[in-house]
């Protein structure tokens, strides 16, 4: 068969989605802008299909014409995984935003890939259920992208990553065929668990078009506290005690450094120092249960009283209302969102075994400080599951552009320590473009070989999101 010239292929692609599904000119610009401004995309066409059948037709045409396919969800990724190339076609799933089914008795929801995460949460809530995936971009990120990057967020400790929340997928394969694996089963031992190939694959093996996801009982009682501590080692000891004292009722455990509090108070709107005195470290602790009358307040107060008596916790506050609880979480969100106010930031999304979190932060901070005096480590995140956003702020008064040119240098320092502790160089943000070379450097040769074999088997022509991950 003769290869179709791109012009003919593009015309056919546009005819599949119709005028409503074609984005051109200035309207296409937002689809090319990456969240952190580190990369800029381009494409032969930006297409927004309205149904799985349209995605399948688009991919089939691209496969026939050997055109690269760049899948995109809400475009909120932090690793460049949704950046399109000028030689291919960007397929944005935002129009595919229906909740296809909600089975309250089975505790499942089936939704299309373009469903915004917050809308999915609201649909579950309307059925008196909980969809627990929660992250800062939930007002605009889409569930297909969440699954493609195996998103984490603030509730991983209790409910797991996106991978643990998926029961089944619908996927358009690189040749345009549709695999319907939308099963609402907790137990299914019939061969390979194929859905796991596509979760976390960042669109390099196929296009996720729908998913069947787990729901949970809605929490009836939630208690939240923010506490101040002297050492990061004390934070992790408190975590161990909290988990032992509350069991699986511990929903969230977030680390906040003093530099983060100072930054939020100085640059945020309506913030004030949450405790009477300043502390080097803070922990945001949340416990919840779906059972009414569990008296979680007493359990949390008892935990903190014992920790204070042991000189582990120096001070703390427990939210007295839902408004106060939201304010404590707003501080945590501000720590992430406002860090750029301090200038250039070299970012690391890493994980280590929970038992190694304190050691990593101490060793990492010492190492980067020795390399560049005045650098400001800004570690925060979901340390209850071992995930630290170990971001490095430029020295005060430094030239931002000069500082950011040292990104690869500090990557190597930090990632060497992470790997030496048995950790991962990407905890929840994915590989994309940003960490592709780092993966090649740190992954075992056999792991890379197996990944390349899977890629070659499913996508022999290499058209699916080329240049990402591998």
Protein backbone atom coordinates (compact mmCIF):
# COMPACT_ATOMS: atom_id res chain seq x y z
CA UNK A 1 0.00 0.00 0.00
CA UNK A 2 1.30 3.46 -0.87
CA UNK A 3 1.96 5.78 2.02
CA UNK A 4 -0.70 8.47 2.29
CA UNK A 5 0.72 11.96 1.97
CA UNK A 6 0.26 13.96 5.20
CA UNK A 7 -2.04 16.51 3.56
CA UNK A 8 -4.52 13.80 2.59
CA UNK A 9 -4.25 12.21 6.00
CA UNK A 10 -4.91 15.48 7.79
CA UNK A 11 -7.99 16.10 5.68
CA UNK A 12 -9.30 12.63 6.51
CA UNK A 13 -8.57 13.14 10.21
CA UNK A 14 -10.47 16.42 10.30
CA UNK A 15 -13.43 14.84 8.56
CA UNK A 16 -13.68 12.23 11.34
CA UNK A 17 -14.23 14.77 14.13
CA UNK A 18 -16.00 17.45 12.08
CA UNK A 19 -15.70 21.21 12.59
CA UNK A 20 -16.46 21.01 16.33
CA UNK A 21 -13.51 18.69 16.83
CA UNK A 22 -10.87 20.71 14.99
CA UNK A 23 -8.90 23.40 16.82
CA UNK A 24 -6.86 25.79 14.71
CA UNK A 25 -4.98 29.07 14.80
CA UNK A 26 -4.83 31.01 18.04
CA UNK A 27 -7.36 28.62 19.62
CA UNK A 28 -4.79 25.82 19.39
CA UNK A 29 -2.12 27.68 21.34
CA UNK A 30 -3.22 26.55 24.86
CA UNK A 31 -2.81 22.92 23.79
CA UNK A 32 0.87 23.54 23.06
CA UNK A 33 1.75 25.28 26.33
CA UNK A 34 3.22 22.96 28.95
CA UNK A 35 2.34 23.60 32.61
CA UNK A 36 5.80 24.68 33.77
CA UNK A 37 6.84 26.49 30.63
CA UNK A 38 9.83 24.21 30.07
CA UNK A 39 8.60 22.88 26.72
CA UNK A 40 6.47 24.15 23.87
CA UNK A 41 4.53 21.85 21.60
CA UNK A 42 3.36 22.00 18.01
CA UNK A 43 1.31 19.70 15.78
CA UNK A 44 0.00 19.19 12.27
CA UNK A 45 -3.49 19.24 13.77
CA UNK A 46 -5.24 19.51 17.13
CA UNK A 47 -8.26 17.20 17.18
CA UNK A 48 -10.90 16.73 19.87
CA UNK A 49 -12.90 13.53 19.27
CA UNK A 50 -16.29 13.11 20.91
CA UNK A 51 -16.40 9.29 21.14
CA UNK A 52 -14.19 6.24 21.33
CA UNK A 53 -15.13 5.32 17.77
CA UNK A 54 -13.72 8.64 16.58
CA UNK A 55 -10.48 8.09 18.51
CA UNK A 56 -10.18 4.68 16.90
CA UNK A 57 -10.65 6.12 13.41
CA UNK A 58 -8.12 8.86 14.08
CA UNK A 59 -5.48 6.45 15.34
CA UNK A 60 -6.10 4.04 12.45
CA UNK A 61 -5.54 6.83 9.93
CA UNK A 62 -2.40 7.93 11.74
CA UNK A 63 -1.11 4.35 11.80
CA UNK A 64 -1.72 4.00 8.08
CA UNK A 65 0.07 7.28 7.35
CA UNK A 66 2.81 6.67 9.98
CA UNK A 67 1.85 9.92 11.71
CA UNK A 68 2.83 10.27 15.38
CA UNK A 69 -0.07 10.44 17.82
CA UNK A 70 0.19 12.67 20.89
CA UNK A 71 -2.64 11.98 23.38
CA UNK A 72 -3.55 14.79 25.77
CA UNK A 73 -5.92 15.18 28.69
CA UNK A 74 -6.20 18.34 30.78
CA UNK A 75 -2.59 19.29 29.95
CA UNK A 76 -1.73 19.74 33.64
CA UNK A 77 1.22 17.33 33.66
CA UNK A 78 4.52 18.32 35.23
CA UNK A 79 6.97 16.22 33.19
CA UNK A 80 6.27 17.20 29.59
CA UNK A 81 4.42 13.99 28.80
CA UNK A 82 1.57 15.77 26.96
CA UNK A 83 3.79 17.90 24.72
CA UNK A 84 3.06 17.32 21.03
CA UNK A 85 5.57 17.28 18.19
CA UNK A 86 5.25 19.25 14.98
CA UNK A 87 5.42 16.04 12.95
CA UNK A 88 2.26 14.52 14.38
CA UNK A 89 -1.33 14.91 15.54
CA UNK A 90 -2.46 16.01 18.99
CA UNK A 91 -5.58 14.16 20.16
CA UNK A 92 -7.19 15.91 23.13
CA UNK A 93 -9.81 13.87 24.98
CA UNK A 94 -11.62 16.78 26.65
CA UNK A 95 -14.90 16.36 24.74
CA UNK A 96 -15.20 12.74 25.94
CA UNK A 97 -16.43 13.68 29.40
CA UNK A 98 -19.45 11.49 30.12
CA UNK A 99 -19.99 9.36 33.19
CA UNK A 100 -21.24 6.22 31.47
CA UNK A 101 -22.38 4.33 34.54
CA UNK A 102 -22.35 4.43 38.33
CA UNK A 103 -23.05 1.24 40.25
CA UNK A 104 -23.46 2.29 43.87
CA UNK A 105 -23.95 -1.28 45.08
CA UNK A 106 -20.79 -2.44 43.31
CA UNK A 107 -18.96 0.74 44.39
CA UNK A 108 -17.80 1.50 40.84
CA UNK A 109 -18.04 4.34 38.37
CA UNK A 110 -17.32 4.14 34.65
CA UNK A 111 -16.24 7.39 33.04
CA UNK A 112 -14.73 8.60 29.81
CA UNK A 113 -11.14 9.77 29.73
CA UNK A 114 -12.02 13.45 29.41
CA UNK A 115 -13.96 13.60 32.69
CA UNK A 116 -12.44 16.29 34.89
CA UNK A 117 -11.37 14.76 38.19
CA UNK A 118 -13.43 17.17 40.31
CA UNK A 119 -16.55 16.31 38.28
CA UNK A 120 -15.91 12.64 38.87
CA UNK A 121 -15.62 13.30 42.60
CA UNK A 122 -18.94 15.17 42.55
CA UNK A 123 -20.69 12.38 40.66
CA UNK A 124 -19.55 9.91 43.30
CA UNK A 125 -20.65 12.24 46.10
CA UNK A 126 -24.12 12.57 44.57
CA UNK A 127 -24.43 8.79 44.94
CA UNK A 128 -23.21 8.97 48.56
CA UNK A 129 -19.87 7.49 47.56
CA UNK A 130 -16.26 8.68 47.53
CA UNK A 131 -13.81 8.73 44.65
CA UNK A 132 -10.62 9.40 46.64
CA UNK A 133 -8.12 10.53 44.00
CA UNK A 134 -7.37 14.15 44.93
CA UNK A 135 -4.62 16.50 43.76
CA UNK A 136 -3.99 20.18 43.22
CA UNK A 137 -5.04 20.22 39.57
CA UNK A 138 -8.31 18.32 40.15
CA UNK A 139 -10.38 21.21 38.80
CA UNK A 140 -8.87 20.81 35.33
CA UNK A 141 -6.98 17.50 35.08
CA UNK A 142 -8.79 14.59 33.43
CA UNK A 143 -9.08 10.99 34.55
CA UNK A 144 -7.46 9.64 31.37
CA UNK A 145 -4.36 11.67 32.08
CA UNK A 146 -4.49 10.72 35.76
CA UNK A 147 -4.40 7.06 34.78
CA UNK A 148 -1.81 7.55 32.05
CA UNK A 149 0.56 9.08 34.60
CA UNK A 150 -0.54 6.92 37.55
CA UNK A 151 -1.34 10.08 39.51
CA UNK A 152 -0.94 10.13 43.27
CA UNK A 153 -2.06 13.06 45.40
CA UNK A 154 -2.98 13.51 49.03
CA UNK A 155 -4.95 10.30 49.68
CA UNK A 156 -2.50 7.67 48.45
CA UNK A 157 -1.68 6.62 52.00
CA UNK A 158 -5.24 5.37 52.54
CA UNK A 159 -6.52 4.54 49.06
CA UNK A 160 -3.52 4.07 46.78
CA UNK A 161 -2.38 5.63 43.49
CA UNK A 162 -4.55 5.82 40.37
CA UNK A 163 -3.28 2.35 39.52
CA UNK A 164 -4.94 0.90 42.62
CA UNK A 165 -8.22 2.65 41.85
CA UNK A 166 -8.70 1.24 38.34
CA UNK A 167 -10.64 -1.98 37.79
CA UNK A 168 -10.89 -1.83 34.01
CA UNK A 169 -9.98 0.25 30.97
CA UNK A 170 -11.09 0.90 27.44
CA UNK A 171 -8.08 1.59 25.21
CA UNK A 172 -7.54 2.44 21.56
CA UNK A 173 -4.47 0.48 20.47
CA UNK A 174 -1.79 1.87 18.13
CA UNK A 175 -3.39 0.22 15.10
CA UNK A 176 -6.81 1.72 15.81
CA UNK A 177 -8.46 -1.35 17.31
CA UNK A 178 -10.37 -0.91 20.59
CA UNK A 179 -9.70 -3.12 23.59
CA UNK A 180 -12.73 -3.17 25.86
CA UNK A 181 -11.51 -4.13 29.31
CA UNK A 182 -14.18 -2.22 31.24
CA UNK A 183 -14.81 -4.77 33.96
CA UNK A 184 -16.08 -3.92 37.42
CA UNK A 185 -14.50 -6.96 39.05
CA UNK A 186 -12.35 -7.05 42.18
CA UNK A 187 -11.19 -10.53 41.29
CA UNK A 188 -10.27 -11.49 37.74
CA UNK A 189 -7.46 -13.99 37.41
CA UNK A 190 -7.71 -14.74 33.68
CA UNK A 191 -4.19 -14.22 32.46
CA UNK A 192 -2.15 -11.05 32.24
CA UNK A 193 -3.56 -7.92 33.88
CA UNK A 194 -3.47 -5.96 30.62
CA UNK A 195 -4.85 -2.71 32.02
CA UNK A 196 -1.69 -2.23 34.07
CA UNK A 197 0.35 -1.92 30.85
CA UNK A 198 -1.46 1.31 29.98
CA UNK A 199 -1.61 2.86 33.46
CA UNK A 200 1.51 4.95 33.92
CA UNK A 201 2.57 4.43 30.28
CA UNK A 202 1.91 8.11 29.45
CA UNK A 203 0.17 7.35 26.17
CA UNK A 204 3.12 5.48 24.68
CA UNK A 205 1.21 2.18 24.29
CA UNK A 206 -2.30 3.36 23.43
CA UNK A 207 -5.00 5.93 24.19
CA UNK A 208 -7.09 5.36 27.31
CA UNK A 209 -10.65 6.35 26.39
CA UNK A 210 -12.63 5.19 29.45
CA UNK A 211 -12.14 3.54 32.82
CA UNK A 212 -14.08 1.65 35.46
CA UNK A 213 -12.94 2.89 38.86
CA UNK A 214 -13.37 1.97 42.50
CA UNK A 215 -15.61 3.96 44.80
CA UNK A 216 -15.59 3.92 48.59
CA UNK A 217 -17.96 4.81 51.42
CA UNK A 218 -18.04 8.53 52.09
CA UNK A 219 -16.29 9.65 55.27
CA UNK A 220 -18.73 10.55 58.07
CA UNK A 221 -16.11 11.83 60.48
CA UNK A 222 -12.91 13.68 59.57
CA UNK A 223 -10.40 15.17 61.99
CA UNK A 224 -7.43 17.28 60.91
CA UNK A 225 -4.48 18.69 62.83
CA UNK A 226 -1.42 20.77 62.02
CA UNK A 227 1.50 20.28 64.40
CA UNK A 228 4.95 21.81 64.77
CA UNK A 229 8.10 19.73 65.34
CA UNK A 230 11.81 20.36 65.84
CA UNK A 231 13.32 17.74 63.54
CA UNK A 232 12.31 15.96 60.38
CA UNK A 233 13.14 12.73 62.21
CA UNK A 234 10.42 13.66 64.73
CA UNK A 235 7.94 14.07 61.85
CA UNK A 236 8.52 10.52 60.73
CA UNK A 237 8.33 9.16 64.28
CA UNK A 238 4.97 10.91 64.64
CA UNK A 239 3.84 9.25 61.43
CA UNK A 240 4.73 5.81 62.79
CA UNK A 241 2.83 6.54 66.00
CA UNK A 242 -0.17 7.93 64.11
CA UNK A 243 -0.41 4.89 61.93
CA UNK A 244 -0.17 2.54 64.88
CA UNK A 245 -2.74 4.52 66.88
CA UNK A 246 -5.33 4.93 64.12
CA UNK A 247 -4.79 1.99 61.79
CA UNK A 248 -6.16 2.51 58.32
CA UNK A 249 -8.10 5.55 59.52
CA UNK A 250 -5.01 7.67 58.77
CA UNK A 251 -5.96 9.33 55.47
CA UNK A 252 -3.28 11.96 54.97
CA UNK A 253 0.12 12.83 56.40
CA UNK A 254 1.84 15.82 54.78
CA UNK A 255 5.23 17.38 55.48
CA UNK A 256 5.64 21.17 55.41
CA UNK A 257 8.97 22.95 56.06
CA UNK A 258 9.24 26.30 57.81
CA UNK A 259 10.37 27.94 54.57
CA UNK A 260 7.04 26.89 53.09
CA UNK A 261 5.05 28.49 55.92
CA UNK A 262 7.08 31.70 55.64
CA UNK A 263 6.50 31.80 51.90
CA UNK A 264 2.74 31.26 52.20
CA UNK A 265 2.35 33.90 54.92
CA UNK A 266 4.43 36.43 52.98
CA UNK A 267 3.11 35.89 49.47
CA UNK A 268 -0.33 34.32 49.86
CA UNK A 269 -3.64 36.04 50.46
CA UNK A 270 -5.36 35.77 53.82
CA UNK A 271 -2.77 33.49 55.42
CA UNK A 272 -1.37 33.81 58.92
CA UNK A 273 1.08 31.76 60.93
CA UNK A 274 -0.93 28.72 62.02
CA UNK A 275 0.77 28.26 65.42
CA UNK A 276 1.85 30.71 68.12
CA UNK A 277 5.56 29.93 67.75
CA UNK A 278 7.74 29.14 64.74
CA UNK A 279 8.86 25.56 64.19
CA UNK A 280 11.37 24.04 61.75
CA UNK A 281 8.91 21.42 60.53
CA UNK A 282 5.16 20.89 60.38
CA UNK A 283 2.97 17.87 59.77
CA UNK A 284 -0.61 18.00 58.50
CA UNK A 285 -2.38 14.94 59.86
CA UNK A 286 -5.85 13.77 58.85
CA UNK A 287 -7.86 10.76 59.97
CA UNK A 288 -11.30 9.76 58.73
CA UNK A 289 -13.88 7.04 58.92
CA UNK A 290 -17.12 6.16 57.17
CA UNK A 291 -18.65 5.19 60.51
CA UNK A 292 -20.60 7.79 62.46
CA UNK A 293 -20.01 8.07 66.19
CA UNK A 294 -16.41 6.82 65.99
CA UNK A 295 -15.15 9.73 68.12
CA UNK A 296 -12.04 10.29 66.06
CA UNK A 297 -11.50 13.59 67.85
CA UNK A 298 -10.65 11.78 71.05
CA UNK A 299 -8.26 9.46 69.23
CA UNK A 300 -6.45 12.36 67.60
CA UNK A 301 -6.24 14.32 70.85
CA UNK A 302 -4.85 11.29 72.66
CA UNK A 303 -2.24 10.73 69.96
CA UNK A 304 -1.04 14.33 70.10
CA UNK A 305 -1.07 14.45 73.90
CA UNK A 306 1.23 11.44 74.10
CA UNK A 307 3.48 12.88 71.37
CA UNK A 308 3.74 16.21 73.20
CA UNK A 309 4.51 14.51 76.48
CA UNK A 310 7.35 12.68 74.72
CA UNK A 311 8.67 16.05 73.43
CA UNK A 312 7.99 14.85 69.91
CA UNK A 313 5.36 17.46 69.02
CA UNK A 314 5.99 21.01 70.20
CA UNK A 315 2.60 22.55 69.47
CA UNK A 316 -0.43 21.96 67.35
CA UNK A 317 -3.95 22.88 66.40
CA UNK A 318 -6.95 20.70 65.59
CA UNK A 319 -9.54 22.04 63.17
CA UNK A 320 -12.76 22.96 64.99
CA UNK A 321 -14.88 23.16 61.84
CA UNK A 322 -14.92 22.25 58.18
CA UNK A 323 -13.89 25.82 57.37
CA UNK A 324 -10.83 25.51 59.61
CA UNK A 325 -10.01 22.14 58.10
CA UNK A 326 -10.11 23.65 54.61
CA UNK A 327 -7.87 26.49 55.80
CA UNK A 328 -5.24 24.02 56.99
CA UNK A 329 -5.31 22.27 53.62
CA UNK A 330 -5.17 25.66 51.90
CA UNK A 331 -1.84 26.22 53.64
CA UNK A 332 -0.59 22.92 52.25
CA UNK A 333 -1.77 23.84 48.75
CA UNK A 334 -0.12 27.24 49.05
CA UNK A 335 3.20 25.65 49.91
CA UNK A 336 3.19 24.03 46.46
CA UNK A 337 1.54 26.80 44.45
CA UNK A 338 3.51 29.78 45.79
CA UNK A 339 7.03 28.40 45.78
CA UNK A 340 7.88 30.23 42.56
CA UNK A 341 7.65 33.48 44.55
CA UNK A 342 11.11 32.60 45.86
CA UNK A 343 12.62 32.55 42.37
CA UNK A 344 14.00 29.70 40.31
CA UNK A 345 13.09 26.21 41.46
CA UNK A 346 14.84 22.99 40.47
CA UNK A 347 12.24 20.32 41.15
CA UNK A 348 12.43 16.69 42.15
CA UNK A 349 9.45 14.37 42.57
CA UNK A 350 10.99 11.41 44.36
CA UNK A 351 10.09 8.62 46.73
CA UNK A 352 12.03 6.52 49.19
CA UNK A 353 10.95 3.91 51.72
CA UNK A 354 9.10 5.69 54.52
CA UNK A 355 11.82 4.61 56.94
CA UNK A 356 14.36 6.53 54.84
CA UNK A 357 12.47 9.82 54.38
CA UNK A 358 14.26 11.73 57.13
CA UNK A 359 17.66 10.41 56.08
CA UNK A 360 17.03 11.43 52.48
CA UNK A 361 15.99 14.97 53.38
CA UNK A 362 19.00 15.47 55.67
CA UNK A 363 21.49 13.96 53.22
CA UNK A 364 19.97 15.72 50.24
CA UNK A 365 19.91 19.11 51.93
CA UNK A 366 23.52 18.74 53.05
CA UNK A 367 24.72 17.66 49.61
CA UNK A 368 23.08 20.47 47.64
CA UNK A 369 24.18 23.04 50.22
CA UNK A 370 27.76 21.88 49.88
CA UNK A 371 27.55 22.23 46.09
CA UNK A 372 25.92 25.68 46.17
CA UNK A 373 26.03 27.66 49.45
CA UNK A 374 22.82 29.61 49.96
CA UNK A 375 20.62 27.21 48.00
CA UNK A 376 17.28 26.78 49.78
CA UNK A 377 15.91 23.22 49.99
CA UNK A 378 12.09 23.24 49.95
CA UNK A 379 11.03 19.66 50.77
CA UNK A 380 7.33 18.99 51.19
CA UNK A 381 4.73 16.42 50.29
CA UNK A 382 3.04 13.13 50.99
CA UNK A 383 5.72 11.62 53.22
CA UNK A 384 3.24 9.12 54.65
CA UNK A 385 3.74 7.19 51.39
CA UNK A 386 7.41 8.15 51.02
CA UNK A 387 6.85 10.84 48.35
CA UNK A 388 8.88 14.03 48.77
CA UNK A 389 8.80 17.02 46.45
CA UNK A 390 12.43 17.93 47.04
CA UNK A 391 12.54 21.29 45.31
CA UNK A 392 15.58 23.52 45.43
CA UNK A 393 15.05 27.28 45.47
CA UNK A 394 17.74 29.55 44.12
CA UNK A 395 19.94 31.44 46.58
CA UNK A 396 18.42 34.80 47.47
CA UNK A 397 19.43 37.39 44.89
CA UNK A 398 20.85 34.85 42.44
CA UNK A 399 20.29 35.09 38.69
CA UNK A 400 17.33 32.79 37.94
CA UNK A 401 18.32 31.87 34.39
CA UNK A 402 21.89 31.03 35.41
CA UNK A 403 20.63 28.96 38.33
CA UNK A 404 18.16 26.94 36.26
CA UNK A 405 20.91 25.93 33.85
CA UNK A 406 22.25 23.76 36.68
CA UNK A 407 19.09 21.59 36.70
CA UNK A 408 20.85 18.45 35.40
CA UNK A 409 23.71 18.92 37.87
CA UNK A 410 21.39 18.96 40.87
CA UNK A 411 19.27 16.16 39.41
CA UNK A 412 22.29 13.93 39.55
CA UNK A 413 23.15 14.87 43.15
CA UNK A 414 19.61 14.30 44.40
CA UNK A 415 18.78 11.25 42.32
CA UNK A 416 22.03 9.51 43.27
CA UNK A 417 20.99 9.75 46.92
CA UNK A 418 17.43 8.63 46.14
CA UNK A 419 18.62 5.55 44.27
CA UNK A 420 21.18 4.69 46.96
CA UNK A 421 18.28 4.54 49.43
CA UNK A 422 16.22 2.23 47.22
CA UNK A 423 13.97 5.03 45.98
CA UNK A 424 12.42 6.22 42.72
CA UNK A 425 13.30 9.30 40.66
CA UNK A 426 9.60 9.77 39.78
CA UNK A 427 7.04 9.22 42.50
CA UNK A 428 3.84 10.62 40.95
CA UNK A 429 4.63 13.03 38.11
CA UNK A 430 5.77 10.50 35.52
CA UNK A 431 8.77 10.43 33.18
CA UNK A 432 7.62 12.35 30.10
CA UNK A 433 10.40 14.39 28.54
CA UNK A 434 11.79 15.75 31.78
CA UNK A 435 13.05 12.48 33.26
CA UNK A 436 13.52 10.39 30.13
CA UNK A 437 17.31 10.61 30.19
CA UNK A 438 17.37 10.12 33.95
CA UNK A 439 15.37 6.90 33.54
CA UNK A 440 17.85 5.71 30.94
CA UNK A 441 20.68 6.45 33.37
CA UNK A 442 19.22 4.83 36.50
CA UNK A 443 17.01 1.98 35.31
CA UNK A 444 18.51 -1.49 35.17
CA UNK A 445 19.38 -2.54 31.60
CA UNK A 446 17.01 -5.51 31.85
CA UNK A 447 14.13 -3.24 32.93
CA UNK A 448 14.73 -0.97 29.94
CA UNK A 449 14.92 -3.97 27.63
CA UNK A 450 11.59 -5.32 28.88
CA UNK A 451 9.95 -1.92 28.50
CA UNK A 452 11.26 -1.59 24.95
CA UNK A 453 10.01 -5.08 24.11
CA UNK A 454 6.52 -4.20 25.33
CA UNK A 455 6.64 -0.96 23.34
CA UNK A 456 7.77 -2.78 20.19
CA UNK A 457 5.09 -5.45 20.59
CA UNK A 458 2.17 -3.04 20.96
CA UNK A 459 3.48 -0.11 18.92
CA UNK A 460 5.93 -1.52 16.35
CA UNK A 461 5.91 1.66 14.28
CA UNK A 462 6.58 3.86 17.31
CA UNK A 463 3.77 6.32 16.59
CA UNK A 464 2.32 6.59 20.11
CA UNK A 465 3.63 9.67 21.97
CA UNK A 466 7.15 9.23 20.58
CA UNK A 467 10.07 10.58 22.58
CA UNK A 468 8.35 10.15 25.94
CA UNK A 469 9.44 7.74 28.70
CA UNK A 470 11.85 5.76 26.46
